[in-house]
Amino acid sequence: MLDAAVFERCFIAWMQSLCGAFEGLQVALDGKTARRSKSPGQKAIHRVSAFVHGLGLTLRQVKTAEKSNEITAIPELLEALLLKGCIVTIDAMGCQKAIAAKIIQQQSDYALLVKNNQPGLTATIEGFFEAAARTGYQGVPTPAPNGSTRTMGALRHGVASSRTICVAWRVSSTGPELRH
């Protein structure tokens, strides 16, 4: 019979030995509820996974504690991974100062989705980009010498939309100060 705890420790050690191969890749942290996992008297199983885009590889999953959510499971997941040099993406649920700090501690970059779950942060970010758009993004520190903005149009479900994407480094050096 295989001891699950011993197997998990060995598997984690093996995966950590491979983590240098993930430098520069995107690692998406996302929570999912397992379909049909709910039973009478119990909640459905909810897990947070670390998935490496480009390789199609799930590095690790952590089951969320009963009466908990992704915010408590993400730090545990990050603790078990070596993500140096990776770009970690997380949806709005994981947009927390402590989570961002843990990613930085691992010498990784991050892209955290912000929605109206944090109205103050949303307003600050919107204000920064509105001010940048008014100046044509002049003075916004970007990774490319000619700036990093792109406008795209799309037609989805019969609705036309346009999005402008801007990548900005060191956002606090211009406009409203943004802190992680």
N, C-alpha and C. Protein backbone atom coordinates (compact mmCIF):
# COMPACT_ATOMS: atom_id res chain seq x y z
N MET A 1 0.86 -1.18 0.00
CA MET A 1 0.00 0.00 0.00
C MET A 1 0.90 1.24 0.00
N LEU A 2 0.54 2.23 -0.76
CA LEU A 2 1.30 3.46 -0.90
C LEU A 2 0.87 4.47 0.16
N ASP A 3 1.82 5.01 0.93
CA ASP A 3 1.54 6.05 1.93
C ASP A 3 1.40 7.39 1.20
N ALA A 4 0.21 7.96 1.21
CA ALA A 4 -0.07 9.18 0.45
C ALA A 4 0.79 10.35 0.91
N ALA A 5 1.03 10.49 2.21
CA ALA A 5 1.84 11.60 2.72
C ALA A 5 3.29 11.49 2.26
N VAL A 6 3.84 10.28 2.28
CA VAL A 6 5.22 10.06 1.83
C VAL A 6 5.31 10.33 0.33
N PHE A 7 4.34 9.84 -0.42
CA PHE A 7 4.33 10.07 -1.87
C PHE A 7 4.27 11.58 -2.16
N GLU A 8 3.42 12.30 -1.42
CA GLU A 8 3.29 13.74 -1.63
C GLU A 8 4.62 14.44 -1.38
N ARG A 9 5.30 14.12 -0.29
CA ARG A 9 6.60 14.74 0.02
C ARG A 9 7.62 14.46 -1.09
N CYS A 10 7.67 13.23 -1.53
CA CYS A 10 8.61 12.86 -2.60
C CYS A 10 8.26 13.56 -3.91
N PHE A 11 6.99 13.62 -4.22
CA PHE A 11 6.56 14.27 -5.45
C PHE A 11 6.88 15.76 -5.41
N ILE A 12 6.64 16.40 -4.27
CA ILE A 12 6.95 17.83 -4.13
C ILE A 12 8.44 18.07 -4.28
N ALA A 13 9.26 17.23 -3.66
CA ALA A 13 10.72 17.38 -3.78
C ALA A 13 11.15 17.24 -5.23
N TRP A 14 10.57 16.29 -5.95
CA TRP A 14 10.91 16.10 -7.36
C TRP A 14 10.48 17.31 -8.18
N MET A 15 9.27 17.82 -7.95
CA MET A 15 8.78 18.97 -8.69
C MET A 15 9.63 20.21 -8.39
N GLN A 16 10.03 20.38 -7.14
CA GLN A 16 10.87 21.52 -6.79
C GLN A 16 12.22 21.45 -7.50
N SER A 17 12.72 20.25 -7.73
CA SER A 17 14.00 20.12 -8.43
C SER A 17 13.86 20.54 -9.90
N LEU A 18 12.64 20.49 -10.42
CA LEU A 18 12.39 20.88 -11.81
C LEU A 18 12.06 22.36 -11.96
N CYS A 19 11.78 23.05 -10.86
CA CYS A 19 11.24 24.40 -10.94
C CYS A 19 12.15 25.40 -11.64
N GLY A 20 13.45 25.19 -11.67
CA GLY A 20 14.33 26.09 -12.42
C GLY A 20 13.98 26.12 -13.90
N ALA A 21 13.38 25.04 -14.38
CA ALA A 21 12.99 24.95 -15.78
C ALA A 21 11.79 25.83 -16.09
N PHE A 22 11.13 26.37 -15.07
CA PHE A 22 9.92 27.15 -15.27
C PHE A 22 10.19 28.65 -15.31
N GLU A 23 11.45 29.06 -15.18
CA GLU A 23 11.78 30.47 -15.14
C GLU A 23 11.29 31.17 -16.40
N GLY A 24 10.59 32.30 -16.18
CA GLY A 24 10.05 33.08 -17.29
C GLY A 24 8.68 32.63 -17.76
N LEU A 25 8.20 31.51 -17.26
CA LEU A 25 6.89 31.02 -17.67
C LEU A 25 5.79 31.56 -16.76
N GLN A 26 4.57 31.54 -17.26
CA GLN A 26 3.42 31.97 -16.48
C GLN A 26 2.89 30.81 -15.66
N VAL A 27 2.71 31.07 -14.37
CA VAL A 27 2.11 30.09 -13.48
C VAL A 27 0.79 30.68 -12.99
N ALA A 28 -0.31 30.06 -13.37
CA ALA A 28 -1.64 30.55 -13.00
C ALA A 28 -2.11 29.85 -11.74
N LEU A 29 -2.49 30.64 -10.73
CA LEU A 29 -3.09 30.09 -9.52
C LEU A 29 -4.59 30.32 -9.63
N ASP A 30 -5.36 29.25 -9.52
CA ASP A 30 -6.80 29.39 -9.70
C ASP A 30 -7.52 28.33 -8.89
N GLY A 31 -8.67 28.71 -8.38
CA GLY A 31 -9.48 27.79 -7.60
C GLY A 31 -10.62 27.23 -8.42
N LYS A 32 -10.93 25.99 -8.18
CA LYS A 32 -12.03 25.31 -8.86
C LYS A 32 -12.75 24.41 -7.88
N THR A 33 -14.06 24.31 -8.07
CA THR A 33 -14.86 23.38 -7.29
C THR A 33 -15.06 22.12 -8.13
N ALA A 34 -14.77 20.98 -7.55
CA ALA A 34 -14.91 19.71 -8.25
C ALA A 34 -16.40 19.40 -8.46
N ARG A 35 -16.77 19.14 -9.68
CA ARG A 35 -18.16 18.82 -9.99
C ARG A 35 -18.57 17.51 -9.33
N ARG A 36 -19.78 17.50 -8.89
CA ARG A 36 -20.40 16.32 -8.29
C ARG A 36 -19.65 15.80 -7.06
N SER A 37 -18.93 16.69 -6.38
CA SER A 37 -18.19 16.27 -5.19
C SER A 37 -18.96 16.54 -3.91
N LYS A 38 -20.09 17.19 -4.02
CA LYS A 38 -20.90 17.49 -2.84
C LYS A 38 -21.69 16.25 -2.44
N SER A 39 -21.68 15.98 -1.15
CA SER A 39 -22.45 14.86 -0.63
C SER A 39 -23.33 15.36 0.50
N PRO A 40 -24.34 14.61 0.89
CA PRO A 40 -25.24 15.08 1.95
C PRO A 40 -24.47 15.47 3.22
N GLY A 41 -24.71 16.68 3.68
CA GLY A 41 -24.06 17.15 4.90
C GLY A 41 -22.67 17.70 4.71
N GLN A 42 -22.14 17.67 3.49
CA GLN A 42 -20.79 18.17 3.23
C GLN A 42 -20.79 19.10 2.03
N LYS A 43 -19.87 20.06 2.05
CA LYS A 43 -19.72 20.97 0.93
C LYS A 43 -18.94 20.29 -0.18
N ALA A 44 -19.04 20.85 -1.36
CA ALA A 44 -18.26 20.34 -2.49
C ALA A 44 -16.78 20.60 -2.24
N ILE A 45 -15.92 19.82 -2.86
CA ILE A 45 -14.48 19.96 -2.70
C ILE A 45 -14.00 21.14 -3.56
N HIS A 46 -13.27 22.03 -2.93
CA HIS A 46 -12.72 23.19 -3.63
C HIS A 46 -11.20 23.15 -3.49
N ARG A 47 -10.50 23.29 -4.63
CA ARG A 47 -9.05 23.22 -4.67
C ARG A 47 -8.48 24.44 -5.37
N VAL A 48 -7.26 24.80 -4.98
CA VAL A 48 -6.51 25.84 -5.67
C VAL A 48 -5.32 25.14 -6.32
N SER A 49 -5.12 25.42 -7.62
CA SER A 49 -4.06 24.77 -8.38
C SER A 49 -3.04 25.78 -8.88
N ALA A 50 -1.82 25.30 -9.08
CA ALA A 50 -0.76 26.07 -9.74
C ALA A 50 -0.51 25.38 -11.08
N PHE A 51 -0.83 26.08 -12.18
CA PHE A 51 -0.76 25.51 -13.52
C PHE A 51 0.26 26.28 -14.34
N VAL A 52 1.21 25.58 -14.97
CA VAL A 52 2.25 26.22 -15.79
C VAL A 52 1.76 26.27 -17.24
N HIS A 53 1.47 27.50 -17.69
CA HIS A 53 1.06 27.66 -19.09
C HIS A 53 2.25 27.37 -19.99
N GLY A 54 1.98 26.89 -21.14
CA GLY A 54 3.04 26.57 -22.09
C GLY A 54 3.53 25.14 -21.94
N LEU A 55 3.36 24.59 -20.76
CA LEU A 55 3.76 23.19 -20.54
C LEU A 55 2.54 22.30 -20.30
N GLY A 56 1.41 22.92 -19.96
CA GLY A 56 0.22 22.14 -19.66
C GLY A 56 0.39 21.28 -18.43
N LEU A 57 1.08 21.82 -17.42
CA LEU A 57 1.46 21.03 -16.25
C LEU A 57 0.92 21.67 -14.98
N THR A 58 0.22 20.90 -14.18
CA THR A 58 -0.21 21.36 -12.87
C THR A 58 0.88 20.98 -11.87
N LEU A 59 1.44 22.01 -11.21
CA LEU A 59 2.53 21.76 -10.26
C LEU A 59 2.02 21.22 -8.93
N ARG A 60 0.90 21.78 -8.48
CA ARG A 60 0.41 21.38 -7.17
C ARG A 60 -1.02 21.85 -7.02
N GLN A 61 -1.77 21.13 -6.19
CA GLN A 61 -3.12 21.53 -5.80
C GLN A 61 -3.21 21.50 -4.29
N VAL A 62 -3.99 22.42 -3.75
CA VAL A 62 -4.23 22.46 -2.31
C VAL A 62 -5.75 22.52 -2.10
N LYS A 63 -6.26 21.66 -1.28
CA LYS A 63 -7.68 21.67 -0.95
C LYS A 63 -7.92 22.78 0.06
N THR A 64 -8.95 23.59 -0.19
CA THR A 64 -9.26 24.66 0.77
C THR A 64 -9.88 24.03 2.02
N ALA A 65 -9.61 24.66 3.15
CA ALA A 65 -10.15 24.17 4.41
C ALA A 65 -11.66 24.38 4.44
N GLU A 66 -12.35 23.57 5.22
CA GLU A 66 -13.80 23.72 5.40
C GLU A 66 -14.09 25.12 5.91
N LYS A 67 -15.11 25.75 5.40
CA LYS A 67 -15.52 27.11 5.77
C LYS A 67 -14.40 28.12 5.48
N SER A 68 -13.68 27.92 4.41
CA SER A 68 -12.59 28.81 4.03
C SER A 68 -12.72 29.12 2.54
N ASN A 69 -11.70 29.80 2.00
CA ASN A 69 -11.71 30.12 0.57
C ASN A 69 -10.28 30.13 0.06
N GLU A 70 -10.12 30.61 -1.17
CA GLU A 70 -8.81 30.59 -1.82
C GLU A 70 -7.78 31.45 -1.10
N ILE A 71 -8.21 32.50 -0.43
CA ILE A 71 -7.27 33.44 0.21
C ILE A 71 -6.40 32.72 1.23
N THR A 72 -6.93 31.73 1.90
CA THR A 72 -6.13 31.00 2.89
C THR A 72 -5.33 29.87 2.25
N ALA A 73 -5.79 29.35 1.12
CA ALA A 73 -5.09 28.23 0.47
C ALA A 73 -3.92 28.69 -0.40
N ILE A 74 -4.01 29.89 -0.99
CA ILE A 74 -2.96 30.37 -1.89
C ILE A 74 -1.61 30.49 -1.20
N PRO A 75 -1.52 31.08 0.01
CA PRO A 75 -0.20 31.13 0.67
C PRO A 75 0.40 29.75 0.92
N GLU A 76 -0.43 28.79 1.27
CA GLU A 76 0.07 27.42 1.47
C GLU A 76 0.60 26.84 0.16
N LEU A 77 -0.10 27.11 -0.92
CA LEU A 77 0.34 26.65 -2.24
C LEU A 77 1.66 27.31 -2.62
N LEU A 78 1.77 28.62 -2.41
CA LEU A 78 3.01 29.35 -2.75
C LEU A 78 4.18 28.86 -1.92
N GLU A 79 3.92 28.51 -0.67
CA GLU A 79 4.98 28.04 0.22
C GLU A 79 5.61 26.74 -0.29
N ALA A 80 4.83 25.94 -0.98
CA ALA A 80 5.31 24.63 -1.44
C ALA A 80 6.01 24.69 -2.79
N LEU A 81 6.00 25.86 -3.45
CA LEU A 81 6.55 25.96 -4.80
C LEU A 81 7.79 26.85 -4.84
N LEU A 82 8.68 26.57 -5.76
CA LEU A 82 9.82 27.44 -6.05
C LEU A 82 9.49 28.14 -7.37
N LEU A 83 9.16 29.41 -7.29
CA LEU A 83 8.67 30.13 -8.47
C LEU A 83 9.61 31.22 -8.94
N LYS A 84 10.86 31.17 -8.56
CA LYS A 84 11.82 32.21 -8.93
C LYS A 84 11.81 32.43 -10.44
N GLY A 85 11.60 33.69 -10.83
CA GLY A 85 11.63 34.05 -12.24
C GLY A 85 10.34 33.82 -12.99
N CYS A 86 9.33 33.29 -12.33
CA CYS A 86 8.05 33.04 -13.00
C CYS A 86 7.16 34.29 -12.94
N ILE A 87 6.15 34.30 -13.77
CA ILE A 87 5.12 35.33 -13.71
C ILE A 87 3.88 34.64 -13.17
N VAL A 88 3.48 35.02 -11.98
CA VAL A 88 2.35 34.39 -11.30
C VAL A 88 1.09 35.21 -11.55
N THR A 89 0.04 34.55 -12.03
CA THR A 89 -1.23 35.23 -12.25
C THR A 89 -2.27 34.66 -11.31
N ILE A 90 -3.10 35.57 -10.78
CA ILE A 90 -4.16 35.18 -9.85
C ILE A 90 -5.38 36.04 -10.14
N ASP A 91 -6.56 35.45 -9.99
CA ASP A 91 -7.78 36.22 -10.20
C ASP A 91 -8.04 37.17 -9.02
N ALA A 92 -9.14 37.87 -9.07
CA ALA A 92 -9.43 38.92 -8.09
C ALA A 92 -9.47 38.40 -6.64
N MET A 93 -9.87 37.15 -6.45
CA MET A 93 -9.94 36.59 -5.10
C MET A 93 -8.57 36.62 -4.42
N GLY A 94 -7.51 36.43 -5.19
CA GLY A 94 -6.16 36.38 -4.62
C GLY A 94 -5.43 37.70 -4.61
N CYS A 95 -6.10 38.79 -4.93
CA CYS A 95 -5.47 40.11 -4.95
C CYS A 95 -5.37 40.64 -3.52
N GLN A 96 -4.35 40.18 -2.81
CA GLN A 96 -4.15 40.51 -1.40
C GLN A 96 -2.69 40.91 -1.20
N LYS A 97 -2.45 41.89 -0.31
CA LYS A 97 -1.09 42.36 -0.05
C LYS A 97 -0.16 41.23 0.40
N ALA A 98 -0.65 40.38 1.28
CA ALA A 98 0.18 39.29 1.82
C ALA A 98 0.55 38.30 0.72
N ILE A 99 -0.36 38.04 -0.20
CA ILE A 99 -0.09 37.12 -1.29
C ILE A 99 0.93 37.73 -2.25
N ALA A 100 0.76 39.01 -2.59
CA ALA A 100 1.72 39.69 -3.46
C ALA A 100 3.11 39.70 -2.82
N ALA A 101 3.17 39.95 -1.51
CA ALA A 101 4.45 39.96 -0.80
C ALA A 101 5.13 38.60 -0.86
N LYS A 102 4.35 37.53 -0.73
CA LYS A 102 4.91 36.17 -0.78
C LYS A 102 5.47 35.87 -2.17
N ILE A 103 4.81 36.36 -3.21
CA ILE A 103 5.29 36.15 -4.58
C ILE A 103 6.60 36.91 -4.78
N ILE A 104 6.66 38.15 -4.32
CA ILE A 104 7.88 38.95 -4.43
C ILE A 104 9.02 38.29 -3.64
N GLN A 105 8.70 37.76 -2.47
CA GLN A 105 9.69 37.07 -1.64
C GLN A 105 10.33 35.91 -2.41
N GLN A 106 9.55 35.29 -3.30
CA GLN A 106 10.07 34.18 -4.10
C GLN A 106 10.79 34.66 -5.36
N GLN A 107 11.01 35.97 -5.47
CA GLN A 107 11.70 36.58 -6.62
C GLN A 107 10.96 36.30 -7.92
N SER A 108 9.64 36.45 -7.85
CA SER A 108 8.78 36.28 -9.01
C SER A 108 8.04 37.58 -9.28
N ASP A 109 7.49 37.70 -10.48
CA ASP A 109 6.63 38.82 -10.82
C ASP A 109 5.19 38.33 -10.76
N TYR A 110 4.26 39.27 -10.72
CA TYR A 110 2.86 38.86 -10.65
C TYR A 110 1.97 39.79 -11.45
N ALA A 111 0.83 39.23 -11.84
CA ALA A 111 -0.26 39.98 -12.45
C ALA A 111 -1.51 39.57 -11.68
N LEU A 112 -2.02 40.50 -10.89
CA LEU A 112 -3.20 40.21 -10.08
C LEU A 112 -4.39 40.93 -10.68
N LEU A 113 -5.48 40.23 -10.81
CA LEU A 113 -6.69 40.81 -11.36
C LEU A 113 -7.40 41.61 -10.27
N VAL A 114 -7.78 42.81 -10.61
CA VAL A 114 -8.49 43.66 -9.66
C VAL A 114 -9.90 43.89 -10.20
N LYS A 115 -10.87 43.65 -9.38
CA LYS A 115 -12.26 43.95 -9.72
C LYS A 115 -12.81 44.85 -8.62
N ASN A 116 -14.08 45.00 -8.59
CA ASN A 116 -14.69 45.88 -7.59
C ASN A 116 -14.75 45.26 -6.20
N ASN A 117 -14.07 44.14 -5.98
CA ASN A 117 -13.99 43.59 -4.63
C ASN A 117 -13.08 44.44 -3.74
N GLN A 118 -12.28 45.31 -4.37
CA GLN A 118 -11.43 46.25 -3.64
C GLN A 118 -11.62 47.63 -4.28
N PRO A 119 -12.70 48.33 -3.91
CA PRO A 119 -13.04 49.57 -4.59
C PRO A 119 -11.97 50.65 -4.51
N GLY A 120 -11.26 50.78 -3.41
CA GLY A 120 -10.21 51.80 -3.29
C GLY A 120 -9.06 51.53 -4.24
N LEU A 121 -8.61 50.29 -4.30
CA LEU A 121 -7.53 49.91 -5.21
C LEU A 121 -7.97 50.06 -6.66
N THR A 122 -9.21 49.64 -6.95
CA THR A 122 -9.74 49.77 -8.31
C THR A 122 -9.74 51.23 -8.74
N ALA A 123 -10.21 52.12 -7.87
CA ALA A 123 -10.27 53.55 -8.19
C ALA A 123 -8.87 54.12 -8.41
N THR A 124 -7.90 53.71 -7.61
CA THR A 124 -6.53 54.19 -7.76
C THR A 124 -5.94 53.76 -9.09
N ILE A 125 -6.12 52.49 -9.43
CA ILE A 125 -5.59 51.97 -10.70
C ILE A 125 -6.28 52.65 -11.88
N GLU A 126 -7.61 52.77 -11.82
CA GLU A 126 -8.33 53.44 -12.91
C GLU A 126 -7.86 54.88 -13.06
N GLY A 127 -7.66 55.57 -11.94
CA GLY A 127 -7.18 56.96 -11.98
C GLY A 127 -5.81 57.06 -12.64
N PHE A 128 -4.92 56.12 -12.31
CA PHE A 128 -3.58 56.11 -12.91
C PHE A 128 -3.67 55.97 -14.43
N PHE A 129 -4.43 54.99 -14.89
CA PHE A 129 -4.49 54.74 -16.32
C PHE A 129 -5.30 55.80 -17.07
N GLU A 130 -6.29 56.40 -16.43
CA GLU A 130 -7.01 57.50 -17.06
C GLU A 130 -6.08 58.69 -17.27
N ALA A 131 -5.27 58.99 -16.24
CA ALA A 131 -4.29 60.09 -16.37
C ALA A 131 -3.25 59.76 -17.44
N ALA A 132 -2.82 58.51 -17.49
CA ALA A 132 -1.83 58.11 -18.51
C ALA A 132 -2.42 58.21 -19.91
N ALA A 133 -3.69 57.84 -20.07
CA ALA A 133 -4.33 57.91 -21.39
C ALA A 133 -4.46 59.35 -21.86
N ARG A 134 -4.73 60.28 -20.92
CA ARG A 134 -4.86 61.69 -21.29
C ARG A 134 -3.55 62.25 -21.85
N THR A 135 -2.41 61.71 -21.42
CA THR A 135 -1.12 62.19 -21.90
C THR A 135 -0.56 61.30 -23.02
N GLY A 136 -1.38 60.38 -23.52
CA GLY A 136 -0.90 59.46 -24.55
C GLY A 136 0.14 58.49 -24.00
N TYR A 137 0.06 58.22 -22.72
CA TYR A 137 0.97 57.30 -22.02
C TYR A 137 2.40 57.82 -21.99
N GLN A 138 2.58 59.12 -22.18
CA GLN A 138 3.91 59.72 -22.09
C GLN A 138 4.36 59.71 -20.63
N GLY A 139 5.59 59.32 -20.40
CA GLY A 139 6.14 59.30 -19.05
C GLY A 139 5.79 58.07 -18.24
N VAL A 140 5.01 57.16 -18.81
CA VAL A 140 4.68 55.92 -18.10
C VAL A 140 5.81 54.94 -18.33
N PRO A 141 6.49 54.48 -17.26
CA PRO A 141 7.60 53.55 -17.44
C PRO A 141 7.10 52.20 -17.95
N THR A 142 7.55 51.82 -19.14
CA THR A 142 7.10 50.57 -19.76
C THR A 142 8.30 49.70 -20.09
N PRO A 143 8.07 48.41 -20.30
CA PRO A 143 9.18 47.51 -20.61
C PRO A 143 9.77 47.70 -22.00
N ALA A 144 9.02 48.30 -22.91
CA ALA A 144 9.52 48.50 -24.28
C ALA A 144 9.86 49.97 -24.48
N PRO A 145 10.92 50.29 -25.24
CA PRO A 145 11.33 51.68 -25.42
C PRO A 145 10.25 52.56 -26.04
N ASN A 146 9.41 52.00 -26.89
CA ASN A 146 8.38 52.80 -27.54
C ASN A 146 7.04 52.68 -26.84
N GLY A 147 7.03 52.18 -25.63
CA GLY A 147 5.78 52.03 -24.87
C GLY A 147 5.17 50.66 -25.07
N SER A 148 4.27 50.33 -24.22
CA SER A 148 3.63 49.02 -24.27
C SER A 148 2.12 49.17 -24.20
N THR A 149 1.56 49.82 -25.19
CA THR A 149 0.11 49.93 -25.26
C THR A 149 -0.37 49.30 -26.56
N ARG A 150 -1.56 48.74 -26.49
CA ARG A 150 -2.14 48.11 -27.66
C ARG A 150 -3.65 48.19 -27.52
N THR A 151 -4.32 48.57 -28.59
CA THR A 151 -5.78 48.60 -28.60
C THR A 151 -6.27 47.49 -29.50
N MET A 152 -7.22 46.74 -28.99
CA MET A 152 -7.77 45.62 -29.74
C MET A 152 -9.28 45.74 -29.77
N GLY A 153 -9.85 45.32 -30.87
CA GLY A 153 -11.30 45.28 -30.99
C GLY A 153 -11.75 43.84 -31.11
N ALA A 154 -12.96 43.57 -30.67
CA ALA A 154 -13.48 42.21 -30.75
C ALA A 154 -14.99 42.25 -30.89
N LEU A 155 -15.52 41.22 -31.49
CA LEU A 155 -16.96 41.04 -31.60
C LEU A 155 -17.28 39.71 -30.95
N ARG A 156 -17.94 39.78 -29.81
CA ARG A 156 -18.27 38.56 -29.07
C ARG A 156 -19.75 38.56 -28.76
N HIS A 157 -20.40 37.49 -29.09
CA HIS A 157 -21.83 37.34 -28.86
C HIS A 157 -22.61 38.52 -29.44
N GLY A 158 -22.15 39.02 -30.59
CA GLY A 158 -22.83 40.11 -31.27
C GLY A 158 -22.57 41.49 -30.70
N VAL A 159 -21.67 41.60 -29.73
CA VAL A 159 -21.37 42.88 -29.10
C VAL A 159 -19.94 43.29 -29.44
N ALA A 160 -19.80 44.49 -29.98
CA ALA A 160 -18.46 45.00 -30.31
C ALA A 160 -17.85 45.65 -29.08
N SER A 161 -16.58 45.38 -28.86
CA SER A 161 -15.89 45.99 -27.72
C SER A 161 -14.48 46.37 -28.13
N SER A 162 -13.91 47.31 -27.41
CA SER A 162 -12.54 47.75 -27.65
C SER A 162 -11.83 47.81 -26.32
N ARG A 163 -10.63 47.28 -26.27
CA ARG A 163 -9.84 47.30 -25.04
C ARG A 163 -8.46 47.84 -25.34
N THR A 164 -7.99 48.70 -24.46
CA THR A 164 -6.61 49.17 -24.55
C THR A 164 -5.84 48.54 -23.41
N ILE A 165 -4.73 47.93 -23.76
CA ILE A 165 -3.90 47.26 -22.76
C ILE A 165 -2.61 48.06 -22.63
N CYS A 166 -2.21 48.33 -21.39
CA CYS A 166 -0.97 49.05 -21.12
C CYS A 166 -0.21 48.30 -20.04
N VAL A 167 1.04 47.99 -20.32
CA VAL A 167 1.91 47.37 -19.34
C VAL A 167 2.81 48.47 -18.80
N ALA A 168 2.80 48.65 -17.48
CA ALA A 168 3.60 49.71 -16.87
C ALA A 168 4.44 49.13 -15.74
N TRP A 169 5.71 49.48 -15.73
CA TRP A 169 6.62 49.09 -14.64
C TRP A 169 6.67 50.23 -13.64
N ARG A 170 6.98 49.91 -12.42
CA ARG A 170 7.19 50.92 -11.38
C ARG A 170 6.10 51.99 -11.43
N VAL A 171 4.89 51.56 -11.34
CA VAL A 171 3.75 52.45 -11.46
C VAL A 171 3.81 53.57 -10.45
N SER A 172 4.39 53.33 -9.28
CA SER A 172 4.44 54.37 -8.25
C SER A 172 5.33 55.55 -8.62
N SER A 173 6.16 55.41 -9.67
CA SER A 173 7.06 56.50 -10.02
C SER A 173 6.36 57.60 -10.81
N THR A 174 5.13 57.41 -11.18
CA THR A 174 4.40 58.42 -11.91
C THR A 174 2.92 58.31 -11.57
N GLY A 175 2.23 59.40 -11.54
CA GLY A 175 0.79 59.38 -11.24
C GLY A 175 0.56 58.95 -9.80
N PRO A 176 -0.67 58.46 -9.54
CA PRO A 176 -0.99 58.03 -8.17
C PRO A 176 -0.08 56.90 -7.72
N GLU A 177 0.29 56.90 -6.48
CA GLU A 177 1.18 55.85 -5.98
C GLU A 177 0.40 54.57 -5.78
N LEU A 178 0.89 53.51 -6.36
CA LEU A 178 0.32 52.19 -6.19
C LEU A 178 1.30 51.36 -5.40
N ARG A 179 0.85 50.79 -4.31
CA ARG A 179 1.72 49.96 -3.48
C ARG A 179 1.19 48.55 -3.44
N HIS A 180 2.12 47.60 -3.37
CA HIS A 180 1.69 46.20 -3.23
C HIS A 180 1.80 45.81 -1.78
